[in-house]
Protein backbone atom coordinates (compact mmCIF):
# COMPACT_ATOMS: atom_id res chain seq x y z
CA UNK A 1 224.67 -70.26 85.73
CA UNK A 2 221.58 -69.74 83.57
CA UNK A 3 219.65 -66.46 83.64
CA UNK A 4 215.89 -66.70 83.98
CA UNK A 5 212.98 -64.48 85.01
CA UNK A 6 210.94 -65.53 88.04
CA UNK A 7 208.49 -64.08 90.58
CA UNK A 8 209.32 -63.66 94.29
CA UNK A 9 207.05 -62.57 97.15
CA UNK A 10 208.65 -60.36 99.83
CA UNK A 11 207.22 -58.74 102.94
CA UNK A 12 208.82 -55.63 104.44
CA UNK A 13 207.95 -52.72 106.69
CA UNK A 14 208.91 -49.08 106.15
CA UNK A 15 207.89 -45.72 107.53
CA UNK A 16 206.28 -43.58 104.85
CA UNK A 17 205.95 -39.87 105.61
CA UNK A 18 202.68 -38.91 103.98
CA UNK A 19 201.91 -35.21 103.48
CA UNK A 20 199.26 -35.38 106.19
CA UNK A 21 201.67 -36.99 108.64
CA UNK A 22 204.27 -34.33 107.91
CA UNK A 23 201.67 -31.63 108.44
CA UNK A 24 200.62 -33.18 111.77
CA UNK A 25 204.22 -33.04 112.92
CA UNK A 26 204.45 -29.40 111.89
CA UNK A 27 201.33 -28.56 113.88
CA UNK A 28 203.10 -29.57 117.08
CA UNK A 29 205.76 -26.89 116.78
CA UNK A 30 203.47 -24.11 115.55
CA UNK A 31 203.04 -21.12 117.83
CA UNK A 32 199.57 -19.73 118.52
CA UNK A 33 199.91 -17.07 115.80
CA UNK A 34 201.31 -19.53 113.25
CA UNK A 35 198.54 -22.01 114.01
CA UNK A 36 195.83 -19.37 113.54
CA UNK A 37 197.37 -18.35 110.23
CA UNK A 38 197.53 -21.98 109.08
CA UNK A 39 193.89 -22.60 110.01
CA UNK A 40 192.78 -19.46 108.17
CA UNK A 41 194.52 -20.73 105.03
CA UNK A 42 192.88 -24.13 105.40
CA UNK A 43 189.42 -22.59 105.86
CA UNK A 44 189.96 -20.50 102.75
CA UNK A 45 190.88 -23.59 100.70
CA UNK A 46 188.38 -26.04 102.21
CA UNK A 47 184.64 -25.17 101.99
CA UNK A 48 183.77 -27.81 104.59
CA UNK A 49 185.76 -26.11 107.36
CA UNK A 50 184.48 -23.29 109.51
CA UNK A 51 185.34 -21.70 112.82
CA UNK A 52 183.13 -22.47 115.78
CA UNK A 53 181.50 -19.30 117.01
CA UNK A 54 181.21 -18.90 120.80
CA UNK A 55 177.64 -19.62 121.82
CA UNK A 56 177.80 -17.76 125.12
CA UNK A 57 178.06 -14.33 123.49
CA UNK A 58 175.19 -15.04 121.13
CA UNK A 59 173.01 -16.32 123.97
CA UNK A 60 173.76 -13.31 126.13
CA UNK A 61 172.96 -10.92 123.28
CA UNK A 62 169.68 -12.73 122.61
CA UNK A 63 168.74 -12.59 126.28
CA UNK A 64 169.54 -8.91 126.35
CA UNK A 65 167.27 -8.31 123.37
CA UNK A 66 164.41 -10.23 125.01
CA UNK A 67 164.68 -8.73 128.48
CA UNK A 68 165.46 -5.15 127.47
CA UNK A 69 162.59 -2.69 127.99
CA UNK A 70 161.13 -1.05 124.91
CA UNK A 71 162.87 2.24 125.60
CA UNK A 72 166.30 0.58 125.78
CA UNK A 73 165.79 -1.85 122.93
CA UNK A 74 164.63 0.81 120.50
CA UNK A 75 166.85 3.55 121.78
CA UNK A 76 164.07 5.29 123.70
CA UNK A 77 162.06 8.12 122.29
CA UNK A 78 165.12 10.29 121.77
CA UNK A 79 165.39 9.27 118.13
CA UNK A 80 161.78 8.42 117.35
CA UNK A 81 160.89 11.58 115.41
CA UNK A 82 162.50 14.77 114.30
CA UNK A 83 160.42 16.68 116.84
CA UNK A 84 162.17 14.80 119.65
CA UNK A 85 165.13 17.09 119.07
CA UNK A 86 163.12 20.25 119.49
CA UNK A 87 164.11 22.70 122.17
CA UNK A 88 160.89 22.07 124.09
CA UNK A 89 161.35 18.28 124.12
CA UNK A 90 164.96 18.45 125.27
CA UNK A 91 164.15 21.01 127.94
CA UNK A 92 161.36 18.79 129.25
CA UNK A 93 163.65 15.76 129.51
CA UNK A 94 166.57 17.64 131.06
CA UNK A 95 164.34 19.76 133.29
CA UNK A 96 166.26 22.79 132.04
CA UNK A 97 166.24 25.00 129.00
CA UNK A 98 168.92 24.97 126.36
CA UNK A 99 169.53 28.63 127.04
CA UNK A 100 170.72 27.69 130.54
CA UNK A 101 172.82 24.77 129.31
CA UNK A 102 174.28 26.50 126.27
CA UNK A 103 173.85 30.25 126.67
CA UNK A 104 176.02 31.07 123.65
CA UNK A 105 174.26 28.64 121.30
CA UNK A 106 170.89 27.38 122.57
CA UNK A 107 170.25 25.46 119.33
CA UNK A 108 167.13 23.70 118.12
CA UNK A 109 166.49 21.00 115.62
CA UNK A 110 166.07 23.74 113.03
CA UNK A 111 169.41 25.34 113.92
CA UNK A 112 171.14 22.01 114.09
CA UNK A 113 169.66 21.09 110.78
CA UNK A 114 168.16 17.80 109.67
CA UNK A 115 171.43 16.62 108.12
CA UNK A 116 173.38 16.93 111.37
CA UNK A 117 170.57 15.27 113.29
CA UNK A 118 170.61 12.40 110.84
CA UNK A 119 174.37 12.06 111.26
CA UNK A 120 173.96 11.73 115.02
CA UNK A 121 171.35 9.09 114.52
CA UNK A 122 173.44 7.11 112.05
CA UNK A 123 176.52 7.37 114.25
CA UNK A 124 174.54 5.90 117.13
CA UNK A 125 173.12 3.10 115.01
CA UNK A 126 169.64 4.61 115.25
CA UNK A 127 169.31 3.49 118.85
CA UNK A 128 171.62 4.67 121.62
CA UNK A 129 174.62 6.98 121.53
CA UNK A 130 176.63 4.41 123.52
CA UNK A 131 175.78 1.54 121.20
CA UNK A 132 178.56 -0.91 120.47
CA UNK A 133 177.71 -0.61 116.74
CA UNK A 134 178.75 3.06 116.71
CA UNK A 135 182.15 4.54 116.10
CA UNK A 136 185.15 3.45 118.10
CA UNK A 137 187.03 6.12 120.03
CA UNK A 138 190.27 4.29 119.18
CA UNK A 139 189.65 5.08 115.51
CA UNK A 140 189.93 8.77 116.33
CA UNK A 141 193.41 8.43 117.87
CA UNK A 142 196.28 9.91 115.90
CA UNK A 143 198.74 7.55 114.30
CA UNK A 144 202.21 7.32 115.79
CA UNK A 145 204.76 9.63 114.18
CA UNK A 146 207.72 7.84 112.65
CA UNK A 147 211.30 9.01 112.88
CA UNK A 148 211.32 9.84 109.17
CA UNK A 149 208.22 12.04 109.52
CA UNK A 150 209.60 13.76 112.61
CA UNK A 151 212.88 14.55 110.86
CA UNK A 152 211.07 15.63 107.67
CA UNK A 153 209.16 18.32 109.56
CA UNK A 154 212.40 19.72 110.97
CA UNK A 155 214.09 19.60 107.56
CA UNK A 156 211.31 21.72 106.07
CA UNK A 157 211.78 24.36 108.78
CA UNK A 158 215.58 24.34 109.05
CA UNK A 159 216.47 24.66 105.33
CA UNK A 160 215.31 27.41 103.02
CA UNK A 161 217.63 26.56 100.14
CA UNK A 162 216.05 23.84 97.94
CA UNK A 163 219.44 22.24 97.24
CA UNK A 164 220.30 22.00 100.95
CA UNK A 165 216.82 20.66 101.69
CA UNK A 166 217.32 17.93 99.09
CA UNK A 167 220.66 16.95 100.66
CA UNK A 168 219.07 16.85 104.11
CA UNK A 169 216.28 14.61 102.79
CA UNK A 170 218.88 12.22 101.39
CA UNK A 171 220.65 12.18 104.75
CA UNK A 172 217.35 11.46 106.50
CA UNK A 173 216.83 8.47 104.20
CA UNK A 174 220.09 7.06 105.55
CA UNK A 175 218.90 6.98 109.17
CA UNK A 176 218.47 3.60 110.81
CA UNK A 177 215.87 2.85 113.47
CA UNK A 178 218.26 3.91 116.24
CA UNK A 179 218.77 7.36 114.67
CA UNK A 180 222.29 6.81 113.34
CA UNK A 181 223.26 8.06 109.89
CA UNK A 182 224.52 5.03 107.99
CA UNK A 183 224.71 6.54 104.49
CA UNK A 184 228.06 7.28 102.85
CA UNK A 185 228.80 11.01 102.52
CA UNK A 186 230.81 10.66 99.32
CA UNK A 187 228.11 8.53 97.72
CA UNK A 188 225.41 11.10 98.51
CA UNK A 189 227.57 13.91 97.11
CA UNK A 190 228.21 11.95 93.91
CA UNK A 191 224.55 11.00 93.48
CA UNK A 192 223.31 14.57 93.92
CA UNK A 193 226.11 16.11 91.87
CA UNK A 194 227.45 18.31 94.66
CA UNK A 195 230.63 18.52 96.69
CA UNK A 196 231.21 16.87 100.03
CA UNK A 197 231.39 20.21 101.83
CA UNK A 198 227.73 20.89 101.13
CA UNK A 199 226.80 17.45 102.44
CA UNK A 200 228.90 18.00 105.56
CA UNK A 201 227.28 21.38 106.21
CA UNK A 202 223.81 19.87 105.83
CA UNK A 203 224.74 17.08 108.22
CA UNK A 204 225.93 19.60 110.81
CA UNK A 205 222.51 21.27 110.73
CA UNK A 206 220.69 17.95 110.90
CA UNK A 207 222.68 16.99 113.98
CA UNK A 208 221.00 19.84 115.85
CA UNK A 209 217.56 18.28 115.38
CA UNK A 210 215.47 16.73 118.12
CA UNK A 211 215.90 14.29 119.72
CA UNK A 212 219.49 15.14 120.50
CA UNK A 213 221.94 12.60 119.17
CA UNK A 214 220.30 11.69 115.86
CA UNK A 215 222.33 11.81 112.64
CA UNK A 216 225.38 10.63 114.58
CA UNK A 217 227.73 8.28 112.73
CA UNK A 218 228.90 6.33 115.78
CA UNK A 219 228.25 6.01 119.50
CA UNK A 220 230.91 8.52 120.50
CA UNK A 221 229.43 11.19 118.23
CA UNK A 222 225.92 10.42 119.50
CA UNK A 223 226.97 10.94 123.10
CA UNK A 224 228.92 14.07 122.18
CA UNK A 225 225.89 15.63 120.51
CA UNK A 226 223.75 15.04 123.59
CA UNK A 227 226.42 16.40 125.92
CA UNK A 228 226.83 19.48 123.72
CA UNK A 229 223.11 20.25 124.08
CA UNK A 230 223.50 20.01 127.86
CA UNK A 231 226.63 22.22 127.72
CA UNK A 232 228.71 19.46 129.33
CA UNK A 233 231.14 18.70 126.52
CA UNK A 234 234.25 20.01 128.28
CA UNK A 235 237.81 18.75 127.53
CA UNK A 236 237.66 16.09 130.24
CA UNK A 237 234.38 14.74 128.88
CA UNK A 238 235.77 14.78 125.33
CA UNK A 239 238.69 12.65 126.51
CA UNK A 240 236.32 10.23 128.18
CA UNK A 241 234.16 9.95 125.05
CA UNK A 242 237.27 9.33 122.96
CA UNK A 243 238.21 6.35 125.14
CA UNK A 244 234.95 4.44 125.45
CA UNK A 245 236.82 1.14 125.09
CA UNK A 246 238.59 1.84 128.39
CA UNK A 247 235.23 2.62 129.97
CA UNK A 248 233.87 -0.71 128.71
CA UNK A 249 236.81 -2.46 130.38
CA UNK A 250 236.26 -0.40 133.57
CA UNK A 251 239.85 0.77 133.51
CA UNK A 252 239.18 3.71 135.79
CA UNK A 253 242.80 4.34 136.69
CA UNK A 254 243.78 4.95 133.08
CA UNK A 255 240.68 7.08 132.51
CA UNK A 256 241.53 9.30 135.47
CA UNK A 257 244.99 9.85 134.08
CA UNK A 258 243.79 10.59 130.55
CA UNK A 259 240.95 12.87 131.62
CA UNK A 260 242.98 14.56 134.35
CA UNK A 261 240.30 14.18 137.03
CA UNK A 262 240.03 12.48 140.40
CA UNK A 263 237.74 9.60 141.34
CA UNK A 264 234.85 11.81 142.43
CA UNK A 265 234.83 13.79 139.17
CA UNK A 266 235.15 10.59 137.16
CA UNK A 267 232.12 9.09 138.90
CA UNK A 268 230.11 12.23 138.18
CA UNK A 269 231.09 11.99 134.53
CA UNK A 270 230.08 8.33 134.42
CA UNK A 271 226.70 9.23 135.92
CA UNK A 272 226.18 11.77 133.13
CA UNK A 273 227.11 9.19 130.50
CA UNK A 274 224.59 6.69 131.92
CA UNK A 275 221.84 9.35 131.71
CA UNK A 276 222.30 9.67 127.93
CA UNK A 277 220.37 7.72 125.31
CA UNK A 278 222.65 5.63 123.07
CA UNK A 279 219.76 5.03 120.59
CA UNK A 280 217.72 8.25 120.42
CA UNK A 281 215.75 7.18 117.35
CA UNK A 282 214.14 4.22 119.10
CA UNK A 283 211.58 6.58 120.67
CA UNK A 284 209.91 6.73 117.24
CA UNK A 285 210.19 3.06 116.38
CA UNK A 286 206.52 2.56 117.19
CA UNK A 287 207.04 -1.15 117.68
CA UNK A 288 204.73 -2.29 120.42
CA UNK A 289 205.93 -5.34 122.24
CA UNK A 290 203.74 -8.36 121.73
CA UNK A 291 202.24 -9.80 124.88
CA UNK A 292 203.07 -13.44 125.53
CA UNK A 293 199.99 -15.65 125.57
CA UNK A 294 200.64 -18.72 127.69
CA UNK A 295 199.66 -22.02 126.11
CA UNK A 296 199.38 -23.80 129.47
CA UNK A 297 198.17 -22.52 132.84
CA UNK A 298 199.27 -24.04 136.15
CA UNK A 299 197.64 -23.22 139.47
CA UNK A 300 197.66 -24.74 142.92
CA UNK A 301 194.79 -27.04 143.89
CA UNK A 302 193.16 -27.24 147.31
CA UNK A 303 194.74 -30.62 148.05
CA UNK A 304 198.30 -29.30 147.49
CA UNK A 305 198.68 -30.67 143.96
CA UNK A 306 198.87 -28.70 140.72
CA UNK A 307 196.10 -28.19 138.19
CA UNK A 308 197.42 -28.09 134.62
CA UNK A 309 195.05 -26.72 131.98
CA UNK A 310 195.33 -25.55 128.40
CA UNK A 311 194.65 -21.90 127.77
CA UNK A 312 191.32 -21.67 125.98
CA UNK A 313 192.48 -18.59 124.06
CA UNK A 314 195.16 -20.59 122.26
CA UNK A 315 192.87 -23.48 121.31
CA UNK A 316 191.43 -23.00 117.81
CA UNK A 317 187.79 -23.98 117.35
CA UNK A 318 187.28 -25.65 113.98
CA UNK A 319 184.17 -27.57 112.84
CA UNK A 320 183.47 -29.81 109.87
CA UNK A 321 180.27 -28.87 108.06
CA UNK A 322 178.80 -32.34 107.41
CA UNK A 323 175.38 -30.85 106.61
CA UNK A 324 176.81 -28.83 103.74
CA UNK A 325 178.66 -31.91 102.48
CA UNK A 326 175.42 -33.93 102.53
CA UNK A 327 173.62 -31.20 100.61
CA UNK A 328 176.28 -30.70 97.95
CA UNK A 329 177.64 -34.21 97.33
CA UNK A 330 174.44 -35.60 95.63
CA UNK A 331 174.63 -32.77 93.10
CA UNK A 332 178.17 -33.50 91.97
CA UNK A 333 178.19 -33.56 88.18
CA UNK A 334 181.26 -35.69 87.52
CA UNK A 335 183.93 -37.78 89.24
CA UNK A 336 186.28 -34.81 89.58
CA UNK A 337 183.80 -32.93 91.74
CA UNK A 338 183.12 -36.03 93.82
CA UNK A 339 186.84 -36.54 94.38
CA UNK A 340 187.23 -32.91 95.37
CA UNK A 341 184.46 -33.11 97.96
CA UNK A 342 185.80 -36.39 99.32
CA UNK A 343 189.28 -34.92 99.64
CA UNK A 344 187.92 -31.82 101.40
CA UNK A 345 186.03 -33.98 103.87
CA UNK A 346 189.08 -36.14 104.51
CA UNK A 347 191.35 -33.12 105.05
CA UNK A 348 188.79 -31.46 107.32
CA UNK A 349 188.44 -34.56 109.49
CA UNK A 350 192.20 -34.95 109.59
CA UNK A 351 192.70 -31.33 110.69
CA UNK A 352 190.21 -31.59 113.55
CA UNK A 353 191.78 -34.84 114.77
CA UNK A 354 195.28 -33.37 114.47
CA UNK A 355 194.31 -30.29 116.46
CA UNK A 356 192.77 -32.47 119.15
CA UNK A 357 195.87 -34.66 119.27
CA UNK A 358 198.08 -31.58 119.41
CA UNK A 359 196.20 -30.24 122.43
CA UNK A 360 196.40 -33.59 124.23
CA UNK A 361 200.13 -33.89 123.52
CA UNK A 362 200.88 -30.40 124.84
CA UNK A 363 198.87 -31.09 127.98
CA UNK A 364 200.62 -34.41 128.54
CA UNK A 365 204.11 -32.92 128.16
CA UNK A 366 203.27 -29.92 130.36
CA UNK A 367 201.83 -32.15 133.08
CA UNK A 368 205.01 -34.22 133.17
CA UNK A 369 207.15 -31.08 133.36
CA UNK A 370 205.08 -29.86 136.30
CA UNK A 371 205.44 -33.22 138.00
CA UNK A 372 209.21 -33.20 137.53
CA UNK A 373 209.67 -29.56 138.58
CA UNK A 374 207.27 -29.52 141.54
CA UNK A 375 210.00 -28.22 143.86
CA UNK A 376 210.64 -25.25 141.58
CA UNK A 377 206.99 -24.22 141.68
CA UNK A 378 206.97 -24.44 145.48
CA UNK A 379 210.40 -23.09 146.49
CA UNK A 380 211.86 -21.24 143.50
CA UNK A 381 214.75 -21.47 141.07
CA UNK A 382 217.19 -22.91 143.62
CA UNK A 383 215.17 -26.13 143.55
CA UNK A 384 215.04 -26.48 139.77
CA UNK A 385 216.00 -30.05 138.91
CA UNK A 386 218.16 -31.19 135.99
CA UNK A 387 215.85 -32.27 133.19
CA UNK A 388 216.25 -33.22 129.55
CA UNK A 389 213.96 -34.18 126.71
CA UNK A 390 214.66 -37.90 126.99
CA UNK A 391 213.51 -38.02 130.63
CA UNK A 392 210.14 -36.50 129.72
CA UNK A 393 209.80 -38.63 126.58
CA UNK A 394 210.45 -41.86 128.49
CA UNK A 395 208.01 -40.90 131.23
CA UNK A 396 205.07 -40.24 128.87
CA UNK A 397 205.92 -42.84 126.24
CA UNK A 398 206.71 -40.49 123.37
CA UNK A 399 209.65 -39.94 121.07
CA UNK A 400 212.23 -37.37 122.08
CA UNK A 401 211.74 -35.41 118.84
CA UNK A 402 208.01 -35.10 119.58
CA UNK A 403 208.73 -33.58 122.99
CA UNK A 404 211.22 -31.22 121.36
CA UNK A 405 208.60 -29.98 118.90
CA UNK A 406 205.95 -29.58 121.60
CA UNK A 407 208.20 -27.49 123.85
CA UNK A 408 209.33 -25.16 121.05
CA UNK A 409 207.90 -21.64 121.39
CA UNK A 410 205.32 -22.67 124.00
CA UNK A 411 204.84 -20.85 127.30
CA UNK A 412 203.54 -21.86 130.70
CA UNK A 413 201.83 -19.55 133.18
CA UNK A 414 202.79 -20.54 136.72
CA UNK A 415 202.41 -18.88 140.13
CA UNK A 416 206.06 -17.78 139.71
CA UNK A 417 205.54 -16.15 136.33
CA UNK A 418 205.46 -17.03 132.66
CA UNK A 419 208.21 -19.36 131.46
CA UNK A 420 208.99 -20.99 128.16
CA UNK A 421 208.72 -24.75 128.34
CA UNK A 422 212.36 -25.00 127.31
CA UNK A 423 213.29 -23.10 130.48
CA UNK A 424 212.60 -26.18 132.60
CA UNK A 425 215.14 -28.26 130.66
CA UNK A 426 218.54 -27.54 132.18
CA UNK A 427 221.91 -29.23 132.16
CA UNK A 428 223.06 -31.36 135.04
CA UNK A 429 226.01 -30.46 137.26
CA UNK A 430 227.36 -33.27 139.42
CA UNK A 431 227.32 -33.16 143.18
CA UNK A 432 230.63 -33.21 145.01
CA UNK A 433 229.17 -35.38 147.77
CA UNK A 434 227.75 -38.01 145.44
CA UNK A 435 224.14 -36.90 145.98
CA UNK A 436 221.59 -35.60 143.52
CA UNK A 437 222.85 -33.50 140.65
CA UNK A 438 222.24 -29.78 140.52
CA UNK A 439 220.53 -27.79 137.79
CA UNK A 440 222.70 -25.37 135.84
CA UNK A 441 220.06 -22.65 136.23
CA UNK A 442 220.06 -23.09 140.02
CA UNK A 443 223.87 -22.91 140.07
CA UNK A 444 223.76 -19.80 137.91
CA UNK A 445 221.39 -18.13 140.38
CA UNK A 446 223.66 -19.14 143.27
CA UNK A 447 226.68 -17.56 141.54
CA UNK A 448 224.76 -14.32 141.03
CA UNK A 449 223.77 -14.22 144.70
CA UNK A 450 227.35 -14.76 145.87
CA UNK A 451 228.58 -11.91 143.68
CA UNK A 452 225.76 -9.57 144.77
CA UNK A 453 226.60 -10.19 148.44
CA UNK A 454 230.36 -9.69 148.12
CA UNK A 455 232.02 -6.71 149.79
CA UNK A 456 234.36 -4.20 148.12
CA UNK A 457 237.26 -5.34 150.32
CA UNK A 458 236.58 -9.02 149.61
CA UNK A 459 235.67 -9.43 145.94
CA UNK A 460 235.29 -13.08 145.03
CA UNK A 461 237.42 -14.53 142.27
CA UNK A 462 236.20 -17.40 140.11
CA UNK A 463 238.37 -19.82 142.11
CA UNK A 464 236.84 -18.56 145.37
CA UNK A 465 233.35 -19.07 143.95
CA UNK A 466 234.30 -22.61 142.92
CA UNK A 467 235.45 -23.37 146.47
CA UNK A 468 232.27 -21.97 148.01
CA UNK A 469 230.07 -23.95 145.64
CA UNK A 470 231.96 -27.16 146.36
CA UNK A 471 231.40 -26.59 150.07
CA UNK A 472 227.68 -26.55 149.24
CA UNK A 473 227.95 -29.80 147.30
CA UNK A 474 228.30 -28.48 143.73
CA UNK A 475 231.16 -29.99 141.74
CA UNK A 476 231.90 -27.33 139.14
CA UNK A 477 234.96 -26.25 137.17
CA UNK A 478 236.36 -22.74 137.18
CA UNK A 479 235.82 -22.28 133.43
CA UNK A 480 232.16 -23.18 133.91
CA UNK A 481 231.83 -20.48 136.59
CA UNK A 482 233.47 -17.99 134.24
CA UNK A 483 231.09 -18.99 131.43
CA UNK A 484 228.01 -18.58 133.63
CA UNK A 485 229.31 -15.24 134.93
CA UNK A 486 229.91 -13.88 131.44
CA UNK A 487 226.48 -15.04 130.26
CA UNK A 488 224.93 -12.88 133.02
CA UNK A 489 227.07 -9.86 131.93
CA UNK A 490 228.97 -9.85 135.22
CA UNK A 491 232.54 -8.49 134.91
CA UNK A 492 235.59 -10.24 136.25
CA UNK A 493 236.75 -9.89 139.84
CA UNK A 494 239.45 -7.36 138.84
CA UNK A 495 236.94 -5.09 137.13
CA UNK A 496 234.42 -5.45 139.95
CA UNK A 497 237.09 -4.57 142.54
CA UNK A 498 237.99 -1.38 140.68
CA UNK A 499 234.39 -0.26 140.33
CA UNK A 500 233.38 -1.04 143.91
CA UNK A 501 236.43 0.71 145.37
CA UNK A 502 235.68 3.76 143.27
CA UNK A 503 232.09 3.77 144.45
CA UNK A 504 233.20 3.31 148.07
CA UNK A 505 235.62 6.22 147.76
CA UNK A 506 232.89 8.43 146.32
CA UNK A 507 230.59 7.45 149.17
CA UNK A 508 233.10 8.61 151.71
């Protein structure tokens, strides 16, 4: 067989993931905050991009400037001249003298001084004291005190010896956000060149600081410190604190024997334990919870259908400055500058189209979810239908991965509350009668209701719950019931029976 070089023509198709295509896919799964951050970066890099300013606010401000009377627009004659702040002028406007208003300090423009008068004028923007351009009252609010600052103030007052104060400062550096002391005592002693006794003594003083329970090394010590402040750390309570694992298992019989108390005293002790704060340092965390901004809003229409709209607050407004491009492009000096401007224009147009496509995709997916879960919006969680990504993707003609990206970290505001889009996708549990399948979330809610309605003399086991659900047409296994029960932090039937009998005995 002879070897020879020859030309062949082939035709093939392949999917090429360009950088722009990859970025468009990423835009789908961005949250509102991530999208705003991404757009800010793009505007900083691309001179042809700019945010669209709301026209309504500008129009209203302009109308206010036109229609405002001269006194309001210019701030009135209060700030026209220095003589406007004379005692006679103020008395004439207030129909009272300053001596009657401020008998201890009548004050005039001369007593106030021109500098203070000028400060008032500048603070009010030269117009009105209530002007929006003036200072913000929120700027005058004190900053939140951190746990480290709160402890540092107490360290300065509690220790007079510089060496002990240094040890206490090192211990304070070992506090976590919950107020627990996580530093190693031996390591602190070695680093400061002192013995462990001095560190232990400093820790004992620090454990008396407010709030009670800080500088504890574990949960038991944290609860003991708080009980000691309340003068409730008696021998029975010490025994209870030393056996918190039995309390977690709700083994009340063993706890009564160890503590040497009856059921009534044990319930009183448990009530005191529940009143304590297991994380006392969290009061100084200062972390404000972020409010969830829904991406989609759903409301009922007059004809009984549902209106699905995108939240305008989560839609970024980006414009392409074609006028600036037309002004700058003729003055490009070389090919490099021309290529740069062309690339900026291409990227800007791509970003605006991608954002528009992202909004349409979110609206299409949300509308299909509302159509599928109409019964949930009308009747509640018991009527939540089994739903998966493939069902929505097939209904709207999209790929399953696209639906997955759209529903990630997106929220929907409904008449029943705010839900993540992923909430509406639940597993399917077969029906025992051969009918429609049941949603796992609806079954979970049914299990919780059955347990809440049980009586102390008739606590339902997992097998009993399985039988009751099968009577209602839900074909479910016992291990599935146990899994759902544990996910809702509901104890087993044995533990529930012990607790409810103890509560019933205390009630009698």
